[in-house]
Amino acid sequence: MSETQHIVFQPYLWKNHTLQPGTAIACRTVEDGQRRMDKARAGLLSLDGAVLVRMAVDEELGDYGEPECLATMGDIPGMEDDMAA
């Protein structure tokens, strides 16, 4: 098995009153992803929200581990439900 670590920066944008995912960005390292998150938090990227996740992936078996949330900012799907509870 050749399990690798994938780090993904997932942006979100409000379009037509619906929170939509933007194009996910594969990051080489957690630090690379954190730099993107820092830019988003500073307002340097035109985003309404973002999440940075890491997961173990075995591409040979098509096995994807449970995503680990490393950082979030702004509006994220499902977060509205958490805030209302």
Protein backbone atom coordinates (compact mmCIF):
# COMPACT_ATOMS: atom_id res chain seq x y z
CA MET A 1 0.00 0.00 0.00
CA SER A 2 1.23 3.48 -0.81
CA GLU A 3 -0.69 5.78 1.49
CA THR A 4 -0.03 9.49 0.98
CA GLN A 5 -1.16 12.63 2.73
CA HIS A 6 -3.33 15.07 0.78
CA ILE A 7 -3.79 18.67 1.93
CA VAL A 8 -6.64 20.56 0.28
CA PHE A 9 -7.68 24.22 0.48
CA GLN A 10 -11.40 24.42 -0.33
CA PRO A 11 -12.78 27.93 -0.98
CA TYR A 12 -16.47 28.89 -0.84
CA LEU A 13 -18.40 31.74 -2.48
CA TRP A 14 -21.98 32.98 -2.14
CA LYS A 15 -23.73 32.80 -5.53
CA ASN A 16 -27.47 33.39 -5.99
CA HIS A 17 -28.03 33.19 -2.21
CA THR A 18 -26.34 29.78 -2.08
CA LEU A 19 -22.93 28.96 -0.65
CA GLN A 20 -21.04 27.26 -3.49
CA PRO A 21 -17.66 25.47 -3.41
CA GLY A 22 -14.94 27.00 -5.55
CA THR A 23 -12.16 25.03 -7.17
CA ALA A 24 -10.31 22.95 -4.56
CA ILE A 25 -6.57 23.58 -4.45
CA ALA A 26 -4.14 20.76 -3.66
CA CYS A 27 -1.36 22.06 -1.40
CA ARG A 28 2.13 20.58 -1.27
CA THR A 29 2.41 21.02 2.51
CA VAL A 30 0.31 22.06 5.48
CA GLU A 31 2.35 25.26 5.58
CA ASP A 32 1.43 26.01 1.95
CA GLY A 33 -2.23 25.54 2.81
CA GLN A 34 -1.88 27.70 5.91
CA ARG A 35 -0.35 30.50 3.80
CA ARG A 36 -3.43 30.38 1.55
CA MET A 37 -5.67 30.49 4.62
CA ASP A 38 -3.73 33.47 5.99
CA LYS A 39 -4.22 35.32 2.68
CA ALA A 40 -7.96 34.52 2.75
CA ARG A 41 -8.25 35.79 6.35
CA ALA A 42 -6.38 38.98 5.41
CA GLY A 43 -8.87 39.63 2.59
CA LEU A 44 -6.28 39.15 -0.14
CA LEU A 45 -8.43 36.46 -1.81
CA SER A 46 -12.03 37.11 -2.92
CA LEU A 47 -13.66 34.37 -0.83
CA ASP A 48 -16.61 34.15 1.52
CA GLY A 49 -15.19 31.14 3.34
CA ALA A 50 -12.56 28.43 3.20
CA VAL A 51 -11.53 25.21 4.88
CA LEU A 52 -8.13 23.52 4.96
CA VAL A 53 -8.22 19.72 5.33
CA ARG A 54 -5.74 16.85 5.43
CA MET A 55 -6.52 13.21 4.69
CA ALA A 56 -4.69 9.97 4.13
CA VAL A 57 -5.23 8.50 0.65
CA ASP A 58 -4.29 5.11 -0.78
CA GLU A 59 -4.72 5.70 -4.50
CA GLU A 60 -4.02 2.06 -5.42
CA LEU A 61 -6.97 0.88 -3.34
CA GLY A 62 -9.08 4.01 -3.84
CA ASP A 63 -9.25 4.36 -0.06
CA TYR A 64 -9.75 7.83 1.40
CA GLY A 65 -9.36 8.47 5.12
CA GLU A 66 -11.56 10.76 7.18
CA PRO A 67 -10.72 14.42 6.47
CA GLU A 68 -9.04 16.27 9.34
CA CYS A 69 -10.02 19.95 9.50
CA LEU A 70 -6.87 22.05 9.99
CA ALA A 71 -8.36 25.56 9.67
CA THR A 72 -11.53 27.41 8.65
CA MET A 73 -12.56 30.98 7.93
CA GLY A 74 -15.80 32.72 7.01
CA ASP A 75 -18.88 30.91 5.75
CA ILE A 76 -18.61 27.12 5.43
CA PRO A 77 -21.48 24.73 4.50
CA GLY A 78 -22.90 23.12 7.62
CA MET A 79 -21.49 25.81 9.90
CA GLU A 80 -24.83 27.68 9.83
CA ASP A 81 -26.47 24.63 11.43
CA ASP A 82 -23.79 24.50 14.15
CA MET A 83 -24.28 28.19 14.93
CA ALA A 84 -28.06 27.80 15.28
CA ALA A 85 -27.76 24.92 17.78
